[in-house]
Every structure is written in C-alpha cells, then in structure tokens.
Amino acid sequence: MGFHYRKSIGIGPFRVNLGKGGVGVSVGGRGFRTGVNSKGRRYTNLSIPGTGFGYRTSGKGCASSVLVMTGIGLFTRYLLETCL
C-alpha cells in the first residue's frame, strides 16, 4: 500500500474533496451524497447515518441505490424491533 492524502472542505451542502489525484466535488448531506471524483467519474453514496452501513454506485444507478438502501433500512428496522 502506498501513501494517500484526502482533505474535505465543506461549504453548506457542498463539499470540495482534495486528494493526491486531484479535486472532486459533491453535494448532499448525511445519508445521501452524489458527486464527481477527481477522475471525472460520477458516484452516488447512500448510508444509514451512525450505523456504518452504506451503498455506493459509480455512474448511473441512483434508483437502484435508493432501492437497496430502503431494503437495508427496512431489514435493520425489522431486526431492531424483533430483538427489543
């Protein structure tokens, strides 16, 4: 593994990501973020805040990301309700 560098500067819902490979930008908040990385590739990131569970797609596929995260959220809720 080599050295890496990443710094993120937040300006409201926008984020400028500085890394060894260049500059990327993203927009969103906790749980949902979409953007373009330093190589020009689009991505969408969905997560359940505070759990560590998330799903990231590259390029197109935002609708599938929403469906997957909805399924994970419902499954997590089911587990929490049955265990408590």
PDB file of N, CA and C in Angstrom:
ATOM      1  N   MET A   1       0.830  -1.171   0.000  1.00  0.00           N
ATOM      2  CA  MET A   1       0.000   0.000   0.000  1.00  0.00           C
ATOM      3  C   MET A   1       0.882   1.244   0.000  1.00  0.00           C
ATOM      4  N   GLY A   2       0.464   2.235  -0.764  1.00  0.00           N
ATOM      5  CA  GLY A   2       1.212   3.479  -0.821  1.00  0.00           C
ATOM      6  C   GLY A   2       0.581   4.553   0.045  1.00  0.00           C
ATOM      7  N   PHE A   3       1.214   5.690   0.066  1.00  0.00           N
ATOM      8  CA  PHE A   3       0.694   6.825   0.806  1.00  0.00           C
ATOM      9  C   PHE A   3      -0.524   7.393   0.096  1.00  0.00           C
ATOM     10  N   HIS A   4      -1.427   7.952   0.867  1.00  0.00           N
ATOM     11  CA  HIS A   4      -2.590   8.614   0.278  1.00  0.00           C
ATOM     12  C   HIS A   4      -2.867   9.884   1.054  1.00  0.00           C
ATOM     13  N   TYR A   5      -3.610  10.785   0.446  1.00  0.00           N
ATOM     14  CA  TYR A   5      -3.969  12.042   1.070  1.00  0.00           C
ATOM     15  C   TYR A   5      -5.374  12.404   0.653  1.00  0.00           C
ATOM     16  N   ARG A   6      -6.173  12.864   1.611  1.00  0.00           N
ATOM     17  CA  ARG A   6      -7.519  13.322   1.307  1.00  0.00           C
ATOM     18  C   ARG A   6      -7.914  14.383   2.319  1.00  0.00           C
ATOM     19  N   LYS A   7      -8.418  15.479   1.838  1.00  0.00           N
ATOM     20  CA  LYS A   7      -8.904  16.562   2.671  1.00  0.00           C
ATOM     21  C   LYS A   7     -10.230  17.016   2.093  1.00  0.00           C
ATOM     22  N   SER A   8     -11.186  17.293   2.952  1.00  0.00           N
ATOM     23  CA  SER A   8     -12.515  17.686   2.509  1.00  0.00           C
ATOM     24  C   SER A   8     -12.861  19.038   3.119  1.00  0.00           C
ATOM     25  N   ILE A   9     -13.351  19.950   2.278  1.00  0.00           N
ATOM     26  CA  ILE A   9     -13.754  21.275   2.729  1.00  0.00           C
ATOM     27  C   ILE A   9     -15.253  21.415   2.476  1.00  0.00           C
ATOM     28  N   GLY A  10     -16.012  21.593   3.545  1.00  0.00           N
ATOM     29  CA  GLY A  10     -17.458  21.704   3.426  1.00  0.00           C
ATOM     30  C   GLY A  10     -17.919  23.147   3.354  1.00  0.00           C
ATOM     31  N   ILE A  11     -18.838  23.414   2.420  1.00  0.00           N
ATOM     32  CA  ILE A  11     -19.449  24.729   2.261  1.00  0.00           C
ATOM     33  C   ILE A  11     -20.948  24.492   2.162  1.00  0.00           C
ATOM     34  N   GLY A  12     -21.624  24.442   3.301  1.00  0.00           N
ATOM     35  CA  GLY A  12     -23.041  24.099   3.316  1.00  0.00           C
ATOM     36  C   GLY A  12     -23.212  22.653   2.872  1.00  0.00           C
ATOM     37  N   PRO A  13     -24.154  22.389   1.952  1.00  0.00           N
ATOM     38  CA  PRO A  13     -24.347  21.011   1.485  1.00  0.00           C
ATOM     39  C   PRO A  13     -23.295  20.586   0.456  1.00  0.00           C
ATOM     40  N   PHE A  14     -22.456  21.529   0.021  1.00  0.00           N
ATOM     41  CA  PHE A  14     -21.429  21.229  -0.979  1.00  0.00           C
ATOM     42  C   PHE A  14     -20.127  20.855  -0.295  1.00  0.00           C
ATOM     43  N   ARG A  15     -19.365  19.997  -0.945  1.00  0.00           N
ATOM     44  CA  ARG A  15     -18.081  19.577  -0.408  1.00  0.00           C
ATOM     45  C   ARG A  15     -17.058  19.549  -1.540  1.00  0.00           C
ATOM     46  N   VAL A  16     -15.895  20.113  -1.279  1.00  0.00           N
ATOM     47  CA  VAL A  16     -14.772  20.058  -2.206  1.00  0.00           C
ATOM     48  C   VAL A  16     -13.787  19.062  -1.609  1.00  0.00           C
ATOM     49  N   ASN A  17     -13.476  18.018  -2.353  1.00  0.00           N
ATOM     50  CA  ASN A  17     -12.604  16.952  -1.888  1.00  0.00           C
ATOM     51  C   ASN A  17     -11.243  17.074  -2.559  1.00  0.00           C
ATOM     52  N   LEU A  18     -10.217  17.274  -1.760  1.00  0.00           N
ATOM     53  CA  LEU A  18      -8.858  17.407  -2.270  1.00  0.00           C
ATOM     54  C   LEU A  18      -8.098  16.133  -1.957  1.00  0.00           C
ATOM     55  N   GLY A  19      -7.476  15.572  -2.974  1.00  0.00           N
ATOM     56  CA  GLY A  19      -6.716  14.350  -2.778  1.00  0.00           C
ATOM     57  C   GLY A  19      -5.460  14.339  -3.612  1.00  0.00           C
ATOM     58  N   LYS A  20      -4.691  13.287  -3.463  1.00  0.00           N
ATOM     59  CA  LYS A  20      -3.450  13.144  -4.209  1.00  0.00           C
ATOM     60  C   LYS A  20      -3.696  13.165  -5.711  1.00  0.00           C
ATOM     61  N   GLY A  21      -4.842  12.624  -6.136  1.00  0.00           N
ATOM     62  CA  GLY A  21      -5.154  12.537  -7.556  1.00  0.00           C
ATOM     63  C   GLY A  21      -5.816  13.764  -8.153  1.00  0.00           C
ATOM     64  N   GLY A  22      -6.214  14.735  -7.327  1.00  0.00           N
ATOM     65  CA  GLY A  22      -6.863  15.937  -7.856  1.00  0.00           C
ATOM     66  C   GLY A  22      -8.005  16.414  -6.980  1.00  0.00           C
ATOM     67  N   VAL A  23      -8.923  17.144  -7.599  1.00  0.00           N
ATOM     68  CA  VAL A  23     -10.037  17.765  -6.886  1.00  0.00           C
ATOM     69  C   VAL A  23     -11.355  17.163  -7.351  1.00  0.00           C
ATOM     70  N   GLY A  24     -12.230  16.837  -6.404  1.00  0.00           N
ATOM     71  CA  GLY A  24     -13.568  16.360  -6.706  1.00  0.00           C
ATOM     72  C   GLY A  24     -14.578  17.219  -5.981  1.00  0.00           C
ATOM     73  N   VAL A  25     -15.820  17.155  -6.399  1.00  0.00           N
ATOM     74  CA  VAL A  25     -16.885  17.915  -5.751  1.00  0.00           C
ATOM     75  C   VAL A  25     -18.077  17.003  -5.491  1.00  0.00           C
ATOM     76  N   SER A  26     -18.823  17.317  -4.428  1.00  0.00           N
ATOM     77  CA  SER A  26     -20.023  16.546  -4.134  1.00  0.00           C
ATOM     78  C   SER A  26     -21.040  17.435  -3.449  1.00  0.00           C
ATOM     79  N   VAL A  27     -22.280  16.963  -3.430  1.00  0.00           N
ATOM     80  CA  VAL A  27     -23.373  17.692  -2.791  1.00  0.00           C
ATOM     81  C   VAL A  27     -24.266  16.674  -2.090  1.00  0.00           C
ATOM     82  N   GLY A  28     -24.816  17.078  -0.966  1.00  0.00           N
ATOM     83  CA  GLY A  28     -25.704  16.206  -0.220  1.00  0.00           C
ATOM     84  C   GLY A  28     -25.498  16.386   1.267  1.00  0.00           C
ATOM     85  N   GLY A  29     -26.102  15.527   2.024  1.00  0.00           N
ATOM     86  CA  GLY A  29     -25.995  15.601   3.470  1.00  0.00           C
ATOM     87  C   GLY A  29     -25.759  14.221   4.043  1.00  0.00           C
ATOM     88  N   ARG A  30     -25.999  14.095   5.347  1.00  0.00           N
ATOM     89  CA  ARG A  30     -25.834  12.792   5.980  1.00  0.00           C
ATOM     90  C   ARG A  30     -26.828  11.812   5.377  1.00  0.00           C
ATOM     91  N   GLY A  31     -26.338  10.693   4.951  1.00  0.00           N
ATOM     92  CA  GLY A  31     -27.209   9.664   4.404  1.00  0.00           C
ATOM     93  C   GLY A  31     -27.306   9.639   2.890  1.00  0.00           C
ATOM     94  N   PHE A  32     -27.050  10.776   2.229  1.00  0.00           N
ATOM     95  CA  PHE A  32     -27.111  10.803   0.769  1.00  0.00           C
ATOM     96  C   PHE A  32     -26.126  11.834   0.245  1.00  0.00           C
ATOM     97  N   ARG A  33     -25.286  11.431  -0.672  1.00  0.00           N
ATOM     98  CA  ARG A  33     -24.320  12.338  -1.281  1.00  0.00           C
ATOM     99  C   ARG A  33     -24.064  11.871  -2.707  1.00  0.00           C
ATOM    100  N   THR A  34     -23.986  12.814  -3.623  1.00  0.00           N
ATOM    101  CA  THR A  34     -23.665  12.496  -5.006  1.00  0.00           C
ATOM    102  C   THR A  34     -22.618  13.485  -5.476  1.00  0.00           C
ATOM    103  N   GLY A  35     -21.756  13.040  -6.384  1.00  0.00           N
ATOM    104  CA  GLY A  35     -20.696  13.943  -6.821  1.00  0.00           C
ATOM    105  C   GLY A  35     -19.881  13.394  -7.964  1.00  0.00           C
ATOM    106  N   VAL A  36     -18.766  14.077  -8.204  1.00  0.00           N
ATOM    107  CA  VAL A  36     -17.819  13.711  -9.256  1.00  0.00           C
ATOM    108  C   VAL A  36     -16.447  13.642  -8.601  1.00  0.00           C
ATOM    109  N   ASN A  37     -15.745  12.519  -8.774  1.00  0.00           N
ATOM    110  CA  ASN A  37     -14.430  12.402  -8.164  1.00  0.00           C
ATOM    111  C   ASN A  37     -13.364  13.082  -9.020  1.00  0.00           C
ATOM    112  N   SER A  38     -12.119  13.006  -8.595  1.00  0.00           N
ATOM    113  CA  SER A  38     -11.042  13.719  -9.274  1.00  0.00           C
ATOM    114  C   SER A  38     -10.761  13.187 -10.680  1.00  0.00           C
ATOM    115  N   LYS A  39     -11.226  11.988 -10.975  1.00  0.00           N
ATOM    116  CA  LYS A  39     -11.037  11.424 -12.320  1.00  0.00           C
ATOM    117  C   LYS A  39     -12.236  11.667 -13.227  1.00  0.00           C
ATOM    118  N   GLY A  40     -13.229  12.407 -12.743  1.00  0.00           N
ATOM    119  CA  GLY A  40     -14.403  12.736 -13.542  1.00  0.00           C
ATOM    120  C   GLY A  40     -15.505  11.695 -13.487  1.00  0.00           C
ATOM    121  N   ARG A  41     -15.378  10.700 -12.630  1.00  0.00           N
ATOM    122  CA  ARG A  41     -16.400   9.658 -12.512  1.00  0.00           C
ATOM    123  C   ARG A  41     -17.479  10.094 -11.526  1.00  0.00           C
ATOM    124  N   ARG A  42     -18.736   9.925 -11.942  1.00  0.00           N
ATOM    125  CA  ARG A  42     -19.858  10.254 -11.070  1.00  0.00           C
ATOM    126  C   ARG A  42     -20.090   9.125 -10.080  1.00  0.00           C
ATOM    127  N   TYR A  43     -20.588   9.472  -8.915  1.00  0.00           N
ATOM    128  CA  TYR A  43     -20.931   8.465  -7.924  1.00  0.00           C
ATOM    129  C   TYR A  43     -22.105   8.938  -7.081  1.00  0.00           C
ATOM    130  N   THR A  44     -22.784   7.972  -6.474  1.00  0.00           N
ATOM    131  CA  THR A  44     -23.857   8.240  -5.538  1.00  0.00           C
ATOM    132  C   THR A  44     -23.605   7.382  -4.311  1.00  0.00           C
ATOM    133  N   ASN A  45     -23.665   7.989  -3.149  1.00  0.00           N
ATOM    134  CA  ASN A  45     -23.422   7.277  -1.914  1.00  0.00           C
ATOM    135  C   ASN A  45     -24.640   7.421  -1.012  1.00  0.00           C
ATOM    136  N   LEU A  46     -25.190   6.299  -0.571  1.00  0.00           N
ATOM    137  CA  LEU A  46     -26.315   6.279   0.359  1.00  0.00           C
ATOM    138  C   LEU A  46     -25.894   5.522   1.603  1.00  0.00           C
ATOM    139  N   SER A  47     -26.259   6.027   2.772  1.00  0.00           N
ATOM    140  CA  SER A  47     -25.895   5.335   4.001  1.00  0.00           C
ATOM    141  C   SER A  47     -26.960   5.559   5.061  1.00  0.00           C
ATOM    142  N   ILE A  48     -26.899   4.734   6.086  1.00  0.00           N
ATOM    143  CA  ILE A  48     -27.755   4.902   7.251  1.00  0.00           C
ATOM    144  C   ILE A  48     -26.856   5.540   8.304  1.00  0.00           C
ATOM    145  N   PRO A  49     -27.058   6.836   8.583  1.00  0.00           N
ATOM    146  CA  PRO A  49     -26.156   7.546   9.493  1.00  0.00           C
ATOM    147  C   PRO A  49     -26.020   6.869  10.852  1.00  0.00           C
ATOM    148  N   GLY A  50     -24.780   6.786  11.313  1.00  0.00           N
ATOM    149  CA  GLY A  50     -24.494   6.235  12.625  1.00  0.00           C
ATOM    150  C   GLY A  50     -24.378   4.726  12.690  1.00  0.00           C
ATOM    151  N   THR A  51     -24.623   4.036  11.560  1.00  0.00           N
ATOM    152  CA  THR A  51     -24.582   2.573  11.585  1.00  0.00           C
ATOM    153  C   THR A  51     -23.355   1.988  10.904  1.00  0.00           C
ATOM    154  N   GLY A  52     -22.769   2.720   9.982  1.00  0.00           N
ATOM    155  CA  GLY A  52     -21.661   2.179   9.207  1.00  0.00           C
ATOM    156  C   GLY A  52     -22.123   1.445   7.963  1.00  0.00           C
ATOM    157  N   PHE A  53     -23.439   1.292   7.780  1.00  0.00           N
ATOM    158  CA  PHE A  53     -23.967   0.637   6.596  1.00  0.00           C
ATOM    159  C   PHE A  53     -24.148   1.647   5.479  1.00  0.00           C
ATOM    160  N   GLY A  54     -23.704   1.284   4.280  1.00  0.00           N
ATOM    161  CA  GLY A  54     -23.860   2.189   3.161  1.00  0.00           C
ATOM    162  C   GLY A  54     -23.748   1.464   1.837  1.00  0.00           C
ATOM    163  N   TYR A  55     -24.067   2.178   0.794  1.00  0.00           N
ATOM    164  CA  TYR A  55     -24.017   1.625  -0.563  1.00  0.00           C
ATOM    165  C   TYR A  55     -23.540   2.724  -1.493  1.00  0.00           C
ATOM    166  N   ARG A  56     -22.584   2.419  -2.352  1.00  0.00           N
ATOM    167  CA  ARG A  56     -22.033   3.401  -3.281  1.00  0.00           C
ATOM    168  C   ARG A  56     -22.072   2.833  -4.692  1.00  0.00           C
ATOM    169  N   THR A  57     -22.549   3.650  -5.638  1.00  0.00           N
ATOM    170  CA  THR A  57     -22.554   3.243  -7.038  1.00  0.00           C
ATOM    171  C   THR A  57     -21.700   4.227  -7.820  1.00  0.00           C
ATOM    172  N   SER A  58     -21.214   3.780  -8.942  1.00  0.00           N
ATOM    173  CA  SER A  58     -20.474   4.655  -9.854  1.00  0.00           C
ATOM    174  C   SER A  58     -21.314   4.860 -11.094  1.00  0.00           C
ATOM    175  N   GLY A  59     -21.311   6.077 -11.614  1.00  0.00           N
ATOM    176  CA  GLY A  59     -22.068   6.370 -12.827  1.00  0.00           C
ATOM    177  C   GLY A  59     -23.549   6.392 -12.561  1.00  0.00           C
ATOM    178  N   LYS A  60     -24.304   5.830 -13.490  1.00  0.00           N
ATOM    179  CA  LYS A  60     -25.760   5.798 -13.354  1.00  0.00           C
ATOM    180  C   LYS A  60     -26.154   4.760 -12.318  1.00  0.00           C
ATOM    181  N   GLY A  61     -27.358   4.847 -11.840  1.00  0.00           N
ATOM    182  CA  GLY A  61     -27.835   3.834 -10.910  1.00  0.00           C
ATOM    183  C   GLY A  61     -28.354   4.384  -9.600  1.00  0.00           C
ATOM    184  N   CYS A  62     -28.733   5.630  -9.565  1.00  0.00           N
ATOM    185  CA  CYS A  62     -29.234   6.217  -8.329  1.00  0.00           C
ATOM    186  C   CYS A  62     -30.498   5.507  -7.867  1.00  0.00           C
ATOM    187  N   ALA A  63     -31.375   5.146  -8.785  1.00  0.00           N
ATOM    188  CA  ALA A  63     -32.622   4.478  -8.410  1.00  0.00           C
ATOM    189  C   ALA A  63     -32.341   3.137  -7.747  1.00  0.00           C
ATOM    190  N   SER A  64     -31.392   2.382  -8.266  1.00  0.00           N
ATOM    191  CA  SER A  64     -31.061   1.098  -7.646  1.00  0.00           C
ATOM    192  C   SER A  64     -30.445   1.309  -6.270  1.00  0.00           C
ATOM    193  N   SER A  65     -29.678   2.392  -6.097  1.00  0.00           N
ATOM    194  CA  SER A  65     -29.100   2.702  -4.789  1.00  0.00           C
ATOM    195  C   SER A  65     -30.194   2.956  -3.766  1.00  0.00           C
ATOM    196  N   VAL A  66     -31.205   3.715  -4.162  1.00  0.00           N
ATOM    197  CA  VAL A  66     -32.308   4.022  -3.253  1.00  0.00           C
ATOM    198  C   VAL A  66     -33.042   2.745  -2.875  1.00  0.00           C
ATOM    199  N   LEU A  67     -33.275   1.861  -3.822  1.00  0.00           N
ATOM    200  CA  LEU A  67     -33.968   0.605  -3.530  1.00  0.00           C
ATOM    201  C   LEU A  67     -33.154  -0.271  -2.579  1.00  0.00           C
ATOM    202  N   VAL A  68     -31.865  -0.375  -2.814  1.00  0.00           N
ATOM    203  CA  VAL A  68     -31.015  -1.195  -1.949  1.00  0.00           C
ATOM    204  C   VAL A  68     -30.993  -0.635  -0.534  1.00  0.00           C
ATOM    205  N   MET A  69     -30.819   0.677  -0.397  1.00  0.00           N
ATOM    206  CA  MET A  69     -30.769   1.272   0.936  1.00  0.00           C
ATOM    207  C   MET A  69     -32.115   1.194   1.646  1.00  0.00           C
ATOM    208  N   THR A  70     -33.213   1.288   0.918  1.00  0.00           N
ATOM    209  CA  THR A  70     -34.528   1.130   1.521  1.00  0.00           C
ATOM    210  C   THR A  70     -34.673  -0.285   2.073  1.00  0.00           C
ATOM    211  N   GLY A  71     -34.230  -1.255   1.300  1.00  0.00           N
ATOM    212  CA  GLY A  71     -34.268  -2.645   1.765  1.00  0.00           C
ATOM    213  C   GLY A  71     -33.416  -2.866   2.997  1.00  0.00           C
ATOM    214  N   ILE A  72     -32.219  -2.300   3.006  1.00  0.00           N
ATOM    215  CA  ILE A  72     -31.345  -2.430   4.171  1.00  0.00           C
ATOM    216  C   ILE A  72     -31.972  -1.750   5.383  1.00  0.00           C
ATOM    217  N   GLY A  73     -32.555  -0.573   5.165  1.00  0.00           N
ATOM    218  CA  GLY A  73     -33.205   0.141   6.263  1.00  0.00           C
ATOM    219  C   GLY A  73     -34.371  -0.633   6.849  1.00  0.00           C
ATOM    220  N   LEU A  74     -35.204  -1.197   5.989  1.00  0.00           N
ATOM    221  CA  LEU A  74     -36.346  -1.981   6.465  1.00  0.00           C
ATOM    222  C   LEU A  74     -35.897  -3.226   7.203  1.00  0.00           C
ATOM    223  N   PHE A  75     -34.858  -3.878   6.698  1.00  0.00           N
ATOM    224  CA  PHE A  75     -34.327  -5.078   7.344  1.00  0.00           C
ATOM    225  C   PHE A  75     -33.751  -4.732   8.718  1.00  0.00           C
ATOM    226  N   THR A  76     -33.013  -3.631   8.797  1.00  0.00           N
ATOM    227  CA  THR A  76     -32.441  -3.190  10.075  1.00  0.00           C
ATOM    228  C   THR A  76     -33.549  -2.865  11.074  1.00  0.00           C
ATOM    229  N   ARG A  77     -34.581  -2.182  10.603  1.00  0.00           N
ATOM    230  CA  ARG A  77     -35.709  -1.848  11.484  1.00  0.00           C
ATOM    231  C   ARG A  77     -36.381  -3.118  11.999  1.00  0.00           C
ATOM    232  N   TYR A  78     -36.561  -4.088  11.106  1.00  0.00           N
ATOM    233  CA  TYR A  78     -37.173  -5.366  11.495  1.00  0.00           C
ATOM    234  C   TYR A  78     -36.324  -6.058  12.572  1.00  0.00           C
ATOM    235  N   LEU A  79     -35.010  -6.088  12.370  1.00  0.00           N
ATOM    236  CA  LEU A  79     -34.129  -6.725  13.348  1.00  0.00           C
ATOM    237  C   LEU A  79     -34.201  -6.021  14.699  1.00  0.00           C
ATOM    238  N   LEU A  80     -34.202  -4.694  14.677  1.00  0.00           N
ATOM    239  CA  LEU A  80     -34.260  -3.943  15.932  1.00  0.00           C
ATOM    240  C   LEU A  80     -35.576  -4.160  16.664  1.00  0.00           C
ATOM    241  N   GLU A  81     -36.674  -4.233  15.923  1.00  0.00           N
ATOM    242  CA  GLU A  81     -37.979  -4.450  16.556  1.00  0.00           C
ATOM    243  C   GLU A  81     -38.110  -5.847  17.135  1.00  0.00           C
ATOM    244  N   THR A  82     -37.560  -6.837  16.459  1.00  0.00           N
ATOM    245  CA  THR A  82     -37.683  -8.208  16.961  1.00  0.00           C
ATOM    246  C   THR A  82     -36.733  -8.482  18.120  1.00  0.00           C
ATOM    247  N   CYS A  83     -35.599  -7.764  18.160  1.00  0.00           N
ATOM    248  CA  CYS A  83     -34.623  -8.005  19.227  1.00  0.00           C
ATOM    249  C   CYS A  83     -34.966  -7.228  20.502  1.00  0.00           C
ATOM    250  N   LEU A  84     -35.717  -6.145  20.377  1.00  0.00           N
ATOM    251  CA  LEU A  84     -36.019  -5.329  21.574  1.00  0.00           C
ATOM    252  C   LEU A  84     -37.366  -5.613  22.141  1.00  0.00           C
TER     253      LEU A  84
END
